[in-house]
Amino acid sequence: MGDLHTHDHQVGSSYFNHQAQGTFCRVSVTAKNVTKCAKLFHTDGTVTARDASGREFDVDGEATIYGNDDAKGFLDRSIPATR
């Protein structure tokens, strides 16, 4: 896991955005495909985080769309042995 910051209450631009029901926690993740065939990587529904108390947090799919300028993690195809 890479960078982590938790002070975002909104992601996106002033016109196209998504509000948090609290605070968004942005996380940078690097994934590597170790299989022999191409795989589809989609963060919504496949990535979860846990805090020190064991509470589980899911990805907000709408926030992923508005908060990623480069759309990484939204339906990425990963070929074998690459990121």
N, C-alpha and C. Protein backbone atom coordinates (compact mmCIF):
# COMPACT_ATOMS: atom_id res chain seq x y z
N MET A 1 0.85 -1.16 0.00
CA MET A 1 0.00 0.00 0.00
C MET A 1 0.89 1.22 0.00
N GLY A 2 0.47 2.24 -0.71
CA GLY A 2 1.24 3.47 -0.83
C GLY A 2 0.69 4.58 0.04
N ASP A 3 0.52 5.73 -0.57
CA ASP A 3 0.06 6.92 0.15
C ASP A 3 -1.32 6.74 0.76
N LEU A 4 -1.53 7.44 1.88
CA LEU A 4 -2.81 7.38 2.59
C LEU A 4 -3.09 8.76 3.17
N HIS A 5 -4.26 9.30 2.88
CA HIS A 5 -4.68 10.52 3.58
C HIS A 5 -6.19 10.51 3.76
N THR A 6 -6.65 11.09 4.87
CA THR A 6 -8.04 10.90 5.29
C THR A 6 -8.80 12.20 5.53
N HIS A 7 -8.46 13.26 4.86
CA HIS A 7 -9.14 14.52 5.14
C HIS A 7 -10.11 14.95 4.05
N ASP A 8 -10.41 14.12 3.10
CA ASP A 8 -11.29 14.50 2.00
C ASP A 8 -12.76 14.29 2.37
N HIS A 9 -13.55 15.35 2.23
CA HIS A 9 -14.99 15.26 2.46
C HIS A 9 -15.75 15.27 1.13
N GLN A 10 -15.01 15.57 0.06
CA GLN A 10 -15.59 15.60 -1.29
C GLN A 10 -14.49 15.24 -2.27
N VAL A 11 -14.85 14.51 -3.33
CA VAL A 11 -13.92 14.23 -4.42
C VAL A 11 -14.53 14.71 -5.72
N GLY A 12 -13.67 15.07 -6.67
CA GLY A 12 -14.14 15.56 -7.95
C GLY A 12 -13.96 17.06 -8.07
N SER A 13 -14.58 17.62 -9.08
CA SER A 13 -14.48 19.05 -9.34
C SER A 13 -15.64 19.79 -8.66
N SER A 14 -15.69 21.08 -8.84
CA SER A 14 -16.79 21.85 -8.26
C SER A 14 -18.12 21.56 -8.95
N TYR A 15 -18.07 21.04 -10.18
CA TYR A 15 -19.29 20.73 -10.93
C TYR A 15 -19.68 19.26 -10.87
N PHE A 16 -18.70 18.39 -10.95
CA PHE A 16 -18.94 16.94 -10.92
C PHE A 16 -18.20 16.37 -9.71
N ASN A 17 -18.95 16.01 -8.68
CA ASN A 17 -18.30 15.58 -7.45
C ASN A 17 -19.18 14.60 -6.68
N HIS A 18 -18.61 14.10 -5.60
CA HIS A 18 -19.31 13.15 -4.73
C HIS A 18 -18.94 13.48 -3.29
N GLN A 19 -19.95 13.61 -2.44
CA GLN A 19 -19.75 13.94 -1.03
C GLN A 19 -19.61 12.67 -0.19
N ALA A 20 -18.72 12.70 0.79
CA ALA A 20 -18.56 11.58 1.72
C ALA A 20 -19.66 11.62 2.77
N GLN A 21 -20.00 10.47 3.31
CA GLN A 21 -20.93 10.40 4.44
C GLN A 21 -20.15 10.57 5.74
N GLY A 22 -18.97 11.07 5.64
CA GLY A 22 -18.05 11.28 6.75
C GLY A 22 -16.77 11.81 6.14
N THR A 23 -15.77 10.96 6.02
CA THR A 23 -14.50 11.35 5.42
C THR A 23 -14.02 10.24 4.51
N PHE A 24 -13.54 10.62 3.31
CA PHE A 24 -12.93 9.65 2.42
C PHE A 24 -11.50 9.39 2.86
N CYS A 25 -11.06 8.19 2.67
CA CYS A 25 -9.67 7.81 2.93
C CYS A 25 -9.09 7.37 1.60
N ARG A 26 -8.24 8.21 1.01
CA ARG A 26 -7.61 7.87 -0.27
C ARG A 26 -6.40 6.99 -0.02
N VAL A 27 -6.31 5.92 -0.78
CA VAL A 27 -5.21 4.98 -0.64
C VAL A 27 -4.64 4.67 -2.02
N SER A 28 -3.33 4.66 -2.14
CA SER A 28 -2.66 4.25 -3.37
C SER A 28 -2.31 2.78 -3.23
N VAL A 29 -2.71 1.98 -4.22
CA VAL A 29 -2.48 0.54 -4.19
C VAL A 29 -1.78 0.11 -5.47
N THR A 30 -0.83 -0.80 -5.34
CA THR A 30 -0.19 -1.41 -6.50
C THR A 30 -0.58 -2.87 -6.53
N ALA A 31 -1.07 -3.33 -7.68
CA ALA A 31 -1.48 -4.73 -7.82
C ALA A 31 -0.68 -5.37 -8.94
N LYS A 32 -0.33 -6.64 -8.76
CA LYS A 32 0.41 -7.37 -9.79
C LYS A 32 -0.36 -8.64 -10.13
N ASN A 33 -0.53 -8.88 -11.41
CA ASN A 33 -1.21 -10.08 -11.88
C ASN A 33 -0.19 -11.22 -11.93
N VAL A 34 -0.35 -12.22 -11.06
CA VAL A 34 0.59 -13.34 -11.01
C VAL A 34 0.02 -14.60 -11.67
N THR A 35 -1.10 -14.45 -12.36
CA THR A 35 -1.70 -15.59 -13.06
C THR A 35 -1.13 -15.68 -14.47
N LYS A 36 -1.62 -16.64 -15.25
CA LYS A 36 -1.15 -16.82 -16.62
C LYS A 36 -2.07 -16.20 -17.66
N CYS A 37 -3.13 -15.53 -17.22
CA CYS A 37 -4.04 -14.90 -18.17
C CYS A 37 -4.40 -13.49 -17.68
N ALA A 38 -4.88 -12.67 -18.61
CA ALA A 38 -5.26 -11.31 -18.28
C ALA A 38 -6.45 -11.32 -17.31
N LYS A 39 -6.45 -10.38 -16.38
CA LYS A 39 -7.53 -10.26 -15.39
C LYS A 39 -8.05 -8.84 -15.39
N LEU A 40 -9.33 -8.70 -15.06
CA LEU A 40 -9.95 -7.39 -14.94
C LEU A 40 -9.86 -6.96 -13.48
N PHE A 41 -9.32 -5.78 -13.23
CA PHE A 41 -9.18 -5.26 -11.88
C PHE A 41 -10.16 -4.11 -11.71
N HIS A 42 -11.05 -4.26 -10.75
CA HIS A 42 -12.05 -3.24 -10.47
C HIS A 42 -12.14 -3.10 -8.95
N THR A 43 -11.79 -1.95 -8.42
CA THR A 43 -11.71 -1.78 -6.96
C THR A 43 -13.05 -1.90 -6.27
N ASP A 44 -14.12 -1.48 -6.91
CA ASP A 44 -15.44 -1.48 -6.27
C ASP A 44 -15.91 -2.92 -6.05
N GLY A 45 -16.03 -3.32 -4.79
CA GLY A 45 -16.52 -4.65 -4.47
C GLY A 45 -15.42 -5.69 -4.30
N THR A 46 -14.18 -5.35 -4.66
CA THR A 46 -13.09 -6.32 -4.53
C THR A 46 -12.03 -5.89 -3.52
N VAL A 47 -12.04 -4.64 -3.11
CA VAL A 47 -11.04 -4.12 -2.18
C VAL A 47 -11.74 -3.64 -0.92
N THR A 48 -11.26 -4.07 0.22
CA THR A 48 -11.77 -3.58 1.51
C THR A 48 -10.59 -3.20 2.39
N ALA A 49 -10.87 -2.37 3.37
CA ALA A 49 -9.85 -1.97 4.34
C ALA A 49 -10.40 -2.20 5.74
N ARG A 50 -9.49 -2.43 6.69
CA ARG A 50 -9.89 -2.62 8.09
C ARG A 50 -9.10 -1.65 8.95
N ASP A 51 -9.75 -1.11 9.98
CA ASP A 51 -9.04 -0.26 10.92
C ASP A 51 -8.51 -1.10 12.07
N ALA A 52 -7.89 -0.46 13.04
CA ALA A 52 -7.27 -1.17 14.16
C ALA A 52 -8.29 -1.93 15.00
N SER A 53 -9.56 -1.51 14.95
CA SER A 53 -10.62 -2.18 15.71
C SER A 53 -11.23 -3.34 14.96
N GLY A 54 -10.82 -3.53 13.70
CA GLY A 54 -11.36 -4.62 12.89
C GLY A 54 -12.58 -4.24 12.07
N ARG A 55 -13.00 -2.96 12.14
CA ARG A 55 -14.13 -2.53 11.31
C ARG A 55 -13.71 -2.55 9.84
N GLU A 56 -14.63 -2.96 8.98
CA GLU A 56 -14.34 -3.10 7.56
C GLU A 56 -14.95 -1.95 6.78
N PHE A 57 -14.21 -1.44 5.81
CA PHE A 57 -14.65 -0.33 4.97
C PHE A 57 -14.52 -0.72 3.51
N ASP A 58 -15.56 -0.44 2.73
CA ASP A 58 -15.58 -0.78 1.32
C ASP A 58 -15.25 0.43 0.46
N VAL A 59 -14.91 0.17 -0.79
CA VAL A 59 -14.66 1.22 -1.77
C VAL A 59 -15.98 1.86 -2.16
N ASP A 60 -16.01 3.16 -2.31
CA ASP A 60 -17.18 3.88 -2.81
C ASP A 60 -16.98 4.04 -4.32
N GLY A 61 -17.72 3.27 -5.10
CA GLY A 61 -17.56 3.25 -6.56
C GLY A 61 -17.73 4.61 -7.20
N GLU A 62 -18.69 5.38 -6.75
CA GLU A 62 -18.91 6.71 -7.32
C GLU A 62 -17.74 7.63 -7.00
N ALA A 63 -17.22 7.54 -5.78
CA ALA A 63 -16.06 8.35 -5.40
C ALA A 63 -14.84 7.96 -6.22
N THR A 64 -14.71 6.68 -6.57
CA THR A 64 -13.60 6.22 -7.40
C THR A 64 -13.63 6.88 -8.76
N ILE A 65 -14.80 7.02 -9.33
CA ILE A 65 -14.95 7.65 -10.65
C ILE A 65 -14.60 9.14 -10.57
N TYR A 66 -15.15 9.86 -9.60
CA TYR A 66 -14.93 11.30 -9.50
C TYR A 66 -13.56 11.65 -8.91
N GLY A 67 -13.01 10.81 -8.07
CA GLY A 67 -11.78 11.13 -7.37
C GLY A 67 -10.50 10.74 -8.06
N ASN A 68 -10.57 9.94 -9.11
CA ASN A 68 -9.36 9.52 -9.84
C ASN A 68 -9.30 10.22 -11.18
N ASP A 69 -8.38 11.16 -11.31
CA ASP A 69 -8.24 11.87 -12.58
C ASP A 69 -7.83 10.94 -13.71
N ASP A 70 -7.04 9.90 -13.39
CA ASP A 70 -6.57 8.98 -14.44
C ASP A 70 -7.40 7.71 -14.53
N ALA A 71 -8.45 7.58 -13.71
CA ALA A 71 -9.38 6.44 -13.72
C ALA A 71 -8.71 5.11 -13.41
N LYS A 72 -7.56 5.10 -12.75
CA LYS A 72 -6.91 3.85 -12.37
C LYS A 72 -7.78 3.12 -11.36
N GLY A 73 -7.87 1.81 -11.51
CA GLY A 73 -8.68 1.00 -10.61
C GLY A 73 -10.11 0.86 -11.05
N PHE A 74 -10.47 1.51 -12.14
CA PHE A 74 -11.83 1.39 -12.66
C PHE A 74 -11.78 0.59 -13.95
N LEU A 75 -12.04 -0.70 -13.83
CA LEU A 75 -12.05 -1.63 -14.95
C LEU A 75 -10.73 -1.69 -15.70
N ASP A 76 -9.64 -1.80 -14.96
CA ASP A 76 -8.32 -1.96 -15.57
C ASP A 76 -8.09 -3.42 -15.95
N ARG A 77 -7.49 -3.65 -17.11
CA ARG A 77 -7.11 -5.00 -17.51
C ARG A 77 -5.62 -5.14 -17.26
N SER A 78 -5.28 -6.17 -16.50
CA SER A 78 -3.89 -6.42 -16.14
C SER A 78 -3.42 -7.70 -16.83
N ILE A 79 -2.39 -7.57 -17.64
CA ILE A 79 -1.84 -8.76 -18.30
C ILE A 79 -0.90 -9.46 -17.32
N PRO A 80 -0.62 -10.72 -17.50
CA PRO A 80 0.24 -11.46 -16.56
C PRO A 80 1.60 -10.80 -16.32
N ALA A 81 2.03 -10.86 -15.07
CA ALA A 81 3.33 -10.37 -14.63
C ALA A 81 3.55 -8.89 -14.85
N THR A 82 2.47 -8.10 -14.83
CA THR A 82 2.59 -6.65 -14.91
C THR A 82 1.77 -6.05 -13.79
N ARG A 83 1.89 -4.76 -13.63
CA ARG A 83 1.09 -4.07 -12.61
C ARG A 83 -0.27 -3.72 -13.14
